[in-house]
């Protein structure tokens, strides 16, 4: 039995300013396009908490 333990927790929050005029869909899909120019600021916040516990050393060696 291995004594290696890893916990990873993530959170991603996004907010698009000027969403009523900016086509978010058109920026990712090839079948949509935006007829009129309407730039927008994009706010993103990411949080990641990674924990590693146990006595096994992390090495590049494969057994």
N, C-alpha and C. Protein backbone atom coordinates (compact mmCIF):
# COMPACT_ATOMS: atom_id res chain seq x y z
N UNK A 1 0.84 -1.18 0.00
CA UNK A 1 0.00 0.00 0.00
C UNK A 1 0.89 1.25 0.00
N UNK A 2 0.53 2.19 -0.80
CA UNK A 2 1.31 3.42 -0.93
C UNK A 2 0.96 4.41 0.16
N UNK A 3 1.96 5.17 0.60
CA UNK A 3 1.71 6.19 1.61
C UNK A 3 1.66 7.59 1.00
N UNK A 4 1.49 7.68 -0.31
CA UNK A 4 1.41 8.96 -1.00
C UNK A 4 -0.04 9.43 -1.06
N UNK A 5 -0.28 10.67 -0.70
CA UNK A 5 -1.64 11.22 -0.72
C UNK A 5 -1.60 12.61 -1.33
N UNK A 6 -2.50 12.89 -2.25
CA UNK A 6 -2.57 14.19 -2.91
C UNK A 6 -4.00 14.68 -2.93
N UNK A 7 -4.21 15.93 -2.54
CA UNK A 7 -5.52 16.59 -2.62
C UNK A 7 -5.38 17.83 -3.48
N UNK A 8 -6.24 17.98 -4.47
CA UNK A 8 -6.23 19.16 -5.32
C UNK A 8 -7.64 19.74 -5.34
N UNK A 9 -7.75 21.02 -5.01
CA UNK A 9 -9.03 21.72 -5.02
C UNK A 9 -8.88 22.95 -5.91
N UNK A 10 -9.81 23.18 -6.81
CA UNK A 10 -9.72 24.32 -7.71
C UNK A 10 -11.01 25.11 -7.77
N UNK A 11 -10.88 26.39 -8.11
CA UNK A 11 -12.03 27.27 -8.25
C UNK A 11 -11.73 28.26 -9.37
N UNK A 12 -12.69 28.50 -10.23
CA UNK A 12 -12.51 29.41 -11.35
C UNK A 12 -13.75 30.30 -11.44
N UNK A 13 -13.56 31.62 -11.37
CA UNK A 13 -14.66 32.58 -11.46
C UNK A 13 -14.35 33.53 -12.61
N UNK A 14 -15.32 33.74 -13.49
CA UNK A 14 -15.13 34.62 -14.64
C UNK A 14 -16.27 35.63 -14.71
N UNK A 15 -15.95 36.86 -15.13
CA UNK A 15 -16.96 37.89 -15.33
C UNK A 15 -16.62 38.68 -16.58
N UNK A 16 -17.58 38.86 -17.43
CA UNK A 16 -17.40 39.58 -18.68
C UNK A 16 -18.14 40.91 -18.60
N UNK A 17 -17.40 42.01 -18.65
CA UNK A 17 -18.01 43.34 -18.66
C UNK A 17 -18.57 43.60 -20.07
N UNK A 18 -19.58 44.42 -20.17
CA UNK A 18 -20.20 44.77 -21.45
C UNK A 18 -20.75 43.53 -22.16
N UNK A 19 -21.34 42.63 -21.43
CA UNK A 19 -21.80 41.36 -22.00
C UNK A 19 -23.02 41.52 -22.90
N UNK A 20 -23.74 42.63 -22.77
CA UNK A 20 -24.92 42.82 -23.63
C UNK A 20 -24.54 43.20 -25.06
N UNK A 21 -23.32 43.69 -25.28
CA UNK A 21 -22.89 44.07 -26.62
C UNK A 21 -21.77 43.18 -27.17
N UNK A 22 -21.06 42.49 -26.30
CA UNK A 22 -19.93 41.67 -26.72
C UNK A 22 -20.38 40.23 -26.93
N UNK A 23 -20.01 39.64 -28.05
CA UNK A 23 -20.39 38.27 -28.34
C UNK A 23 -19.30 37.32 -27.84
N UNK A 24 -19.52 36.77 -26.66
CA UNK A 24 -18.58 35.80 -26.09
C UNK A 24 -18.56 34.52 -26.91
N UNK A 25 -19.71 34.18 -27.45
CA UNK A 25 -19.85 32.98 -28.27
C UNK A 25 -19.02 33.07 -29.55
N UNK A 26 -18.99 34.25 -30.15
CA UNK A 26 -18.27 34.44 -31.41
C UNK A 26 -16.77 34.32 -31.25
N UNK A 27 -16.26 34.55 -30.06
CA UNK A 27 -14.81 34.46 -29.86
C UNK A 27 -14.32 33.02 -29.78
N UNK A 28 -15.21 32.05 -29.58
CA UNK A 28 -14.80 30.65 -29.47
C UNK A 28 -15.35 29.75 -30.57
N UNK A 29 -16.45 30.13 -31.20
CA UNK A 29 -17.05 29.28 -32.23
C UNK A 29 -16.74 29.80 -33.62
N UNK A 30 -16.57 28.90 -34.56
CA UNK A 30 -16.29 29.27 -35.94
C UNK A 30 -17.56 29.63 -36.71
N UNK A 31 -18.74 29.22 -36.22
CA UNK A 31 -19.98 29.47 -36.96
C UNK A 31 -20.73 30.71 -36.48
N UNK A 32 -20.15 31.49 -35.56
CA UNK A 32 -20.75 32.73 -35.07
C UNK A 32 -19.81 33.89 -35.38
N UNK A 33 -20.37 35.06 -35.62
CA UNK A 33 -19.52 36.23 -35.80
C UNK A 33 -20.23 37.45 -35.22
N UNK A 34 -19.42 38.43 -34.85
CA UNK A 34 -19.95 39.66 -34.27
C UNK A 34 -20.00 40.72 -35.36
N UNK A 35 -21.18 41.27 -35.61
CA UNK A 35 -21.37 42.21 -36.71
C UNK A 35 -20.80 43.59 -36.41
N UNK A 36 -20.79 43.97 -35.15
CA UNK A 36 -20.33 45.31 -34.77
C UNK A 36 -19.25 45.19 -33.70
N UNK A 37 -18.25 46.02 -33.80
CA UNK A 37 -17.15 45.99 -32.84
C UNK A 37 -17.62 46.47 -31.47
N UNK A 38 -17.38 45.67 -30.44
CA UNK A 38 -17.73 46.03 -29.07
C UNK A 38 -16.78 45.31 -28.13
N UNK A 39 -15.63 45.90 -27.91
CA UNK A 39 -14.64 45.29 -27.02
C UNK A 39 -15.13 45.25 -25.58
N UNK A 40 -14.50 44.40 -24.81
CA UNK A 40 -14.91 44.26 -23.42
C UNK A 40 -13.72 43.83 -22.57
N UNK A 41 -13.77 44.22 -21.30
CA UNK A 41 -12.78 43.75 -20.34
C UNK A 41 -13.22 42.39 -19.82
N UNK A 42 -12.26 41.59 -19.47
CA UNK A 42 -12.52 40.23 -19.02
C UNK A 42 -11.82 40.04 -17.68
N UNK A 43 -12.56 39.69 -16.64
CA UNK A 43 -11.99 39.51 -15.31
C UNK A 43 -12.03 38.04 -14.95
N UNK A 44 -10.91 37.52 -14.47
CA UNK A 44 -10.85 36.11 -14.09
C UNK A 44 -10.08 35.97 -12.78
N UNK A 45 -10.54 35.08 -11.95
CA UNK A 45 -9.88 34.81 -10.67
C UNK A 45 -9.77 33.30 -10.52
N UNK A 46 -8.57 32.81 -10.32
CA UNK A 46 -8.35 31.37 -10.16
C UNK A 46 -7.73 31.11 -8.80
N UNK A 47 -8.13 30.03 -8.20
CA UNK A 47 -7.62 29.62 -6.91
C UNK A 47 -7.35 28.12 -6.97
N UNK A 48 -6.17 27.71 -6.58
CA UNK A 48 -5.81 26.30 -6.57
C UNK A 48 -5.08 26.00 -5.28
N UNK A 49 -5.50 24.98 -4.60
CA UNK A 49 -4.85 24.54 -3.37
C UNK A 49 -4.44 23.09 -3.56
N UNK A 50 -3.16 22.84 -3.69
CA UNK A 50 -2.66 21.48 -3.89
C UNK A 50 -1.87 21.07 -2.66
N UNK A 51 -2.21 19.93 -2.13
CA UNK A 51 -1.52 19.43 -0.94
C UNK A 51 -0.97 18.04 -1.23
N UNK A 52 0.21 17.77 -0.74
CA UNK A 52 0.83 16.47 -0.90
C UNK A 52 1.31 16.01 0.47
N UNK A 53 0.90 14.84 0.88
CA UNK A 53 1.31 14.33 2.18
C UNK A 53 1.84 12.91 2.04
N UNK A 54 2.46 12.41 3.08
CA UNK A 54 3.01 11.07 3.06
C UNK A 54 4.51 11.09 3.18
N UNK A 55 5.10 9.90 3.19
CA UNK A 55 6.53 9.77 3.39
C UNK A 55 7.28 9.44 2.11
N UNK A 56 6.60 9.16 1.02
CA UNK A 56 7.25 8.80 -0.23
C UNK A 56 7.88 10.03 -0.86
N UNK A 57 9.19 10.01 -1.12
CA UNK A 57 9.81 11.17 -1.79
C UNK A 57 9.39 11.24 -3.25
N UNK A 58 9.20 12.45 -3.75
CA UNK A 58 8.83 12.63 -5.15
C UNK A 58 10.10 12.69 -5.99
N UNK A 59 10.41 11.60 -6.68
CA UNK A 59 11.59 11.54 -7.54
C UNK A 59 11.14 11.14 -8.93
N UNK A 60 12.03 11.29 -9.89
CA UNK A 60 11.73 10.91 -11.26
C UNK A 60 12.01 9.45 -11.54
N UNK A 61 12.30 8.66 -10.53
CA UNK A 61 12.65 7.26 -10.70
C UNK A 61 11.39 6.41 -10.81
N UNK A 62 11.35 5.51 -11.78
CA UNK A 62 10.23 4.58 -11.96
C UNK A 62 10.68 3.20 -11.50
N UNK A 63 9.92 2.57 -10.61
CA UNK A 63 10.27 1.25 -10.09
C UNK A 63 9.43 0.20 -10.75
